C-alpha atoms as a PDB file:
ATOM      1  CA  UNK A   1      31.409 -10.619  26.689  1.00  0.00           C
ATOM      2  CA  UNK A   2      29.625  -7.216  26.410  1.00  0.00           C
ATOM      3  CA  UNK A   3      26.548  -6.186  28.373  1.00  0.00           C
ATOM      4  CA  UNK A   4      25.350  -4.053  25.421  1.00  0.00           C
ATOM      5  CA  UNK A   5      22.264  -5.680  23.921  1.00  0.00           C
ATOM      6  CA  UNK A   6      20.936  -4.865  20.461  1.00  0.00           C
ATOM      7  CA  UNK A   7      17.765  -2.829  20.207  1.00  0.00           C
ATOM      8  CA  UNK A   8      16.328  -5.615  17.980  1.00  0.00           C
ATOM      9  CA  UNK A   9      16.864  -9.276  18.025  1.00  0.00           C
ATOM     10  CA  UNK A  10      19.512 -10.259  15.530  1.00  0.00           C
ATOM     11  CA  UNK A  11      18.272 -11.684  12.384  1.00  0.00           C
ATOM     12  CA  UNK A  12      14.913  -9.836  12.606  1.00  0.00           C
ATOM     13  CA  UNK A  13      13.896  -7.964   9.507  1.00  0.00           C
ATOM     14  CA  UNK A  14      13.272  -4.354  10.475  1.00  0.00           C
ATOM     15  CA  UNK A  15      12.236  -1.467   8.334  1.00  0.00           C
ATOM     16  CA  UNK A  16      13.703   1.780   9.428  1.00  0.00           C
ATOM     17  CA  UNK A  17      10.997   4.294  10.386  1.00  0.00           C
ATOM     18  CA  UNK A  18      11.326   8.007  10.722  1.00  0.00           C
ATOM     19  CA  UNK A  19      10.679   9.200  14.162  1.00  0.00           C
ATOM     20  CA  UNK A  20       7.167  10.455  14.576  1.00  0.00           C
ATOM     21  CA  UNK A  21       6.655  13.778  16.181  1.00  0.00           C
ATOM     22  CA  UNK A  22       3.831  14.225  18.644  1.00  0.00           C
ATOM     23  CA  UNK A  23       2.412  16.982  16.379  1.00  0.00           C
ATOM     24  CA  UNK A  24       2.073  14.587  13.425  1.00  0.00           C
ATOM     25  CA  UNK A  25       0.495  11.872  15.508  1.00  0.00           C
ATOM     26  CA  UNK A  26      -1.988  14.506  16.908  1.00  0.00           C
ATOM     27  CA  UNK A  27      -2.705  15.786  13.475  1.00  0.00           C
ATOM     28  CA  UNK A  28      -3.377  12.315  12.185  1.00  0.00           C
ATOM     29  CA  UNK A  29      -5.653  11.413  15.200  1.00  0.00           C
ATOM     30  CA  UNK A  30      -7.588  14.707  14.635  1.00  0.00           C
ATOM     31  CA  UNK A  31      -7.968  13.973  11.023  1.00  0.00           C
ATOM     32  CA  UNK A  32      -9.512  10.547  11.711  1.00  0.00           C
ATOM     33  CA  UNK A  33     -11.908  11.979  14.382  1.00  0.00           C
ATOM     34  CA  UNK A  34     -13.065  14.587  11.895  1.00  0.00           C
ATOM     35  CA  UNK A  35     -13.477  11.935   9.195  1.00  0.00           C
ATOM     36  CA  UNK A  36     -15.843   9.930  11.274  1.00  0.00           C
ATOM     37  CA  UNK A  37     -17.808  13.092  12.200  1.00  0.00           C
ATOM     38  CA  UNK A  38     -17.955  14.219   8.651  1.00  0.00           C
ATOM     39  CA  UNK A  39     -19.297  10.818   7.404  1.00  0.00           C
ATOM     40  CA  UNK A  40     -22.025  10.860  10.120  1.00  0.00           C
ATOM     41  CA  UNK A  41     -22.989  14.429   9.528  1.00  0.00           C
ATOM     42  CA  UNK A  42     -23.171  14.006   5.654  1.00  0.00           C
ATOM     43  CA  UNK A  43     -25.232  10.768   5.973  1.00  0.00           C
ATOM     44  CA  UNK A  44     -27.554  12.252   8.332  1.00  0.00           C
ATOM     45  CA  UNK A  45     -28.046  15.689   6.738  1.00  0.00           C
ATOM     46  CA  UNK A  46     -26.517  17.597   9.734  1.00  0.00           C
ATOM     47  CA  UNK A  47     -26.200  21.298   9.345  1.00  0.00           C
ATOM     48  CA  UNK A  48     -22.643  20.881  10.753  1.00  0.00           C
ATOM     49  CA  UNK A  49     -21.389  18.788   7.743  1.00  0.00           C
ATOM     50  CA  UNK A  50     -19.838  21.596   5.732  1.00  0.00           C
ATOM     51  CA  UNK A  51     -18.021  23.155   8.765  1.00  0.00           C
ATOM     52  CA  UNK A  52     -16.716  19.714   9.879  1.00  0.00           C
ATOM     53  CA  UNK A  53     -15.595  18.857   6.265  1.00  0.00           C
ATOM     54  CA  UNK A  54     -13.721  22.383   5.990  1.00  0.00           C
ATOM     55  CA  UNK A  55     -12.043  21.654   9.364  1.00  0.00           C
ATOM     56  CA  UNK A  56     -10.939  18.211   8.081  1.00  0.00           C
ATOM     57  CA  UNK A  57      -9.513  19.728   4.873  1.00  0.00           C
ATOM     58  CA  UNK A  58      -7.540  22.269   6.863  1.00  0.00           C
ATOM     59  CA  UNK A  59      -6.072  19.481   9.052  1.00  0.00           C
ATOM     60  CA  UNK A  60      -5.322  17.407   5.819  1.00  0.00           C
ATOM     61  CA  UNK A  61      -3.492  20.496   4.204  1.00  0.00           C
ATOM     62  CA  UNK A  62      -1.356  21.037   7.376  1.00  0.00           C
ATOM     63  CA  UNK A  63      -0.425  17.271   7.317  1.00  0.00           C
ATOM     64  CA  UNK A  64       0.546  17.484   3.646  1.00  0.00           C
ATOM     65  CA  UNK A  65       2.533  20.783   4.112  1.00  0.00           C
ATOM     66  CA  UNK A  66       4.308  19.893   7.427  1.00  0.00           C
ATOM     67  CA  UNK A  67       4.786  16.173   7.004  1.00  0.00           C
ATOM     68  CA  UNK A  68       5.230  15.347   3.322  1.00  0.00           C
ATOM     69  CA  UNK A  69       6.717  11.927   4.377  1.00  0.00           C
ATOM     70  CA  UNK A  70       3.192  10.918   5.478  1.00  0.00           C
ATOM     71  CA  UNK A  71       1.811  10.989   1.897  1.00  0.00           C
ATOM     72  CA  UNK A  72       1.359   7.172   1.779  1.00  0.00           C
ATOM     73  CA  UNK A  73      -0.148   7.043   5.168  1.00  0.00           C
ATOM     74  CA  UNK A  74      -2.751   9.664   4.011  1.00  0.00           C
ATOM     75  CA  UNK A  75      -3.650   7.566   1.006  1.00  0.00           C
ATOM     76  CA  UNK A  76      -4.312   4.587   3.307  1.00  0.00           C
ATOM     77  CA  UNK A  77      -6.476   6.907   5.490  1.00  0.00           C
ATOM     78  CA  UNK A  78      -8.436   8.160   2.403  1.00  0.00           C
ATOM     79  CA  UNK A  79      -9.285   4.697   1.427  1.00  0.00           C
ATOM     80  CA  UNK A  80     -10.412   4.086   5.044  1.00  0.00           C
ATOM     81  CA  UNK A  81     -12.492   7.327   5.045  1.00  0.00           C
ATOM     82  CA  UNK A  82     -14.255   6.149   1.781  1.00  0.00           C
ATOM     83  CA  UNK A  83     -15.499   3.042   3.795  1.00  0.00           C
ATOM     84  CA  UNK A  84     -17.153   5.415   6.262  1.00  0.00           C
ATOM     85  CA  UNK A  85     -19.317   7.107   3.706  1.00  0.00           C
ATOM     86  CA  UNK A  86     -22.959   5.866   3.595  1.00  0.00           C
ATOM     87  CA  UNK A  87     -26.582   6.947   3.038  1.00  0.00           C
ATOM     88  CA  UNK A  88     -28.721   6.565   6.216  1.00  0.00           C
ATOM     89  CA  UNK A  89     -32.293   7.161   7.188  1.00  0.00           C
ATOM     90  CA  UNK A  90     -32.975   7.858  10.775  1.00  0.00           C
ATOM     91  CA  UNK A  91     -30.941   9.111  13.665  1.00  0.00           C
ATOM     92  CA  UNK A  92     -27.118   8.676  13.957  1.00  0.00           C
ATOM     93  CA  UNK A  93     -27.579   6.875  17.285  1.00  0.00           C
ATOM     94  CA  UNK A  94     -29.479   4.038  15.632  1.00  0.00           C
ATOM     95  CA  UNK A  95     -27.310   3.799  12.431  1.00  0.00           C
ATOM     96  CA  UNK A  96     -25.136   0.730  12.353  1.00  0.00           C
ATOM     97  CA  UNK A  97     -22.474   2.286   9.963  1.00  0.00           C
ATOM     98  CA  UNK A  98     -22.124   5.235  12.387  1.00  0.00           C
ATOM     99  CA  UNK A  99     -21.826   2.907  15.322  1.00  0.00           C
ATOM    100  CA  UNK A 100     -19.162   0.873  13.513  1.00  0.00           C
ATOM    101  CA  UNK A 101     -17.286   4.066  12.924  1.00  0.00           C
ATOM    102  CA  UNK A 102     -17.520   5.310  16.430  1.00  0.00           C
ATOM    103  CA  UNK A 103     -16.322   1.906  17.860  1.00  0.00           C
ATOM    104  CA  UNK A 104     -13.595   1.785  15.260  1.00  0.00           C
ATOM    105  CA  UNK A 105     -14.880  -1.690  13.928  1.00  0.00           C
ATOM    106  CA  UNK A 106     -13.886  -2.933  10.453  1.00  0.00           C
ATOM    107  CA  UNK A 107     -16.780  -2.863   7.821  1.00  0.00           C
ATOM    108  CA  UNK A 108     -16.789  -6.726   7.643  1.00  0.00           C
ATOM    109  CA  UNK A 109     -17.433  -6.961  11.447  1.00  0.00           C
ATOM    110  CA  UNK A 110     -21.097  -7.702  12.088  1.00  0.00           C
ATOM    111  CA  UNK A 111     -22.653  -5.420  14.739  1.00  0.00           C
ATOM    112  CA  UNK A 112     -25.133  -7.253  17.061  1.00  0.00           C
ATOM    113  CA  UNK A 113     -28.622  -6.511  15.966  1.00  0.00           C
ATOM    114  CA  UNK A 114     -32.027  -7.360  17.418  1.00  0.00           C
ATOM    115  CA  UNK A 115     -35.135  -8.936  15.899  1.00  0.00           C
ATOM    116  CA  UNK A 116     -38.361  -8.800  17.847  1.00  0.00           C
ATOM    117  CA  UNK A 117     -36.463  -8.068  21.150  1.00  0.00           C
ATOM    118  CA  UNK A 118     -34.046 -11.035  20.778  1.00  0.00           C
ATOM    119  CA  UNK A 119     -30.354 -10.255  20.194  1.00  0.00           C
ATOM    120  CA  UNK A 120     -29.045 -12.033  17.229  1.00  0.00           C
END
């Protein structure tokens, strides 16, 4: 008998994944944070919208150049980003779409609302 244990249970289907570098993880996280800020800034006519969008594009270009193996992941993230875009009237602090994005809730998840002071 051997004391060596397999890394994965035998019989488990596993897909080999390339090792992720801390740099790629950090860039993907930054891109997601900027996507949320850009969507909020654009929806609420913030003067920072263009600057934030430019920063997001720079991060996206860095990901595409340095980590071409993440192309499929970026396509998934672009679809996610399109779900963040919305038209809003009022302040970002009162906007349900912005709140969903900040809390990282899926679009179909209802956000508690109030009607005449009663939480629904």
